[in-house]
Amino acid sequence: MNIFKILYCRAFQQALHLAIPFLPYRKPVLLENEMDGIRALEKNHIQRVMLVTDQGVRRLGLTESLEQCLKENGIDLVVYDKTVANPTIRQVEEARALYLSTGCQGLIGFGGGSSMDCAKAVGARIARPGKPLKKMKGILKVRKKLPVLIAVPTTAGTGSETTLAAVITDDETRLKYPINDFPLIPRYALLDPKVTRSLPPFLTATTGMDALTHAVEAYIGKSTTRETRRDSIEAVRLILKNIRRVWEDGEDLAARKEMLYGAYLAGCSFTKSYVGYVHAVAHSLGGKYNTPHGLANAVLLPYVLRAYGSCIHKKLRDLAAGAGLCPPQTDPQTGSRLFIEEILNLQTELGIGNKLSGIRREDIPYLAEIAEKEANPLYPVPRLMDKKELEGFYEMVMKQDDRSLGKGGSPA
């Protein structure tokens, strides 16, 4: 990367960092159960609410208790359950039309990051009826108060219940792009470990690693605050303490509760301090191949951390010490190595692996270009990388068997 682009990126990031104390960041009000949610709706005089979720969540019966609770308390419910992984503009517009035609007054995003992101985007379109989602891409393009939004995560991973971001996919181009603005932060976050019990072990693992990635990328970046550093360290501690427990026993509600809170703290941290190249590369893979976001992050994380090199050794040592992987006085290089080794151990123990299927070699320059445009200048990464360097990560994680597949390769 040439010196002029480096200076531009760092100046842009420094300006955003200096602005943090003056921007309207907020944390959602935490709710523990359905009755807390009912009281929140009543407090805001909401008599009809839209539930944005997906069919898998409803088939598992995860929304039944909430639906019954709403009925018993006289709150009408309208359900949009067509959300899929990587929600699209078309789905957002469908849900918005249903919201308006049925006279809803608020939103509940119930599910993984896709459902919560879809609910946020629906709220943004309701707040800005004359502005298409494509024109909200980037930062501070919404600028209008959304309807009341309660986020109910069914995974301990995305952090979408805390963040000012929604990631939406263009139906035509398959490009994923983030919408970032303060009104997108949900008004409430309902963290109920019971709704995470039926999550399969593999999804428990990859969504947990997604949350870990949020905390790590926020901590090692150049736009941290005292609060985000504290939240990141605690998030890493909680996730590394509990991720094996929830993978082995989905009924361990104490561990699932701590995982949810760890994901919440990680979300609070990266909302202010942003993420990095792990996310940029993962988003490009999700847009092109529908690669699950948590899986992509889980595989990419150690490769990117190693590529940053010595500039993050001290910070990774601090995270390792906070998680009990080493004493605080451990030298930075050793602490960094122990932290990355822990991630590699989790990849093996949780059955995640260290490669991704479906990546086509001829797509890599295009994917790297998309990732570079997302990351630079927005993400305050420890070390700036250009498109050519980012191409290397796709090569590193591409399964050997996929390298000769060409156009016939099957996406993950």
Foldseek 3Di string as FASTA:
>chain_A
DDPVLVVVLVVVQVVLLVCLVVDPADFAAEAADLVSVVVVCVVVVWQEEEEFAAPVLVVVVLCVVNVVVSVVVRRHYHYDHHFDQQAALVSLVVVLVVCVVVVGQYYEQEEALRSLLSRLSNQLCVQVVPDRPVQQFDEDRRVGAGGAYEYEYLALADLQQTAQWHWHAYPPPLAITIRGYRNSNHNYYHYYLVSNLPPALLRNLLRLQNLLQLLLQLQQFDNFDPLLVVLSLQLLQLSLVQSVVCSVHSPPSVSSSSSNSSSNSSSSRCNSRNGALLQLLLSLLCSPQVDRSSLSSLQLVLVVLVVLPPLCLLRQLVSCCSNVNDPNPDDSNVSNVSSSVSSVVSCVVSVSDNAFFQDELVCLLVSLVSSQVNHPSHHRGSDDDHSVVSSVSNVRRYDPVRHPCHPNTHGD
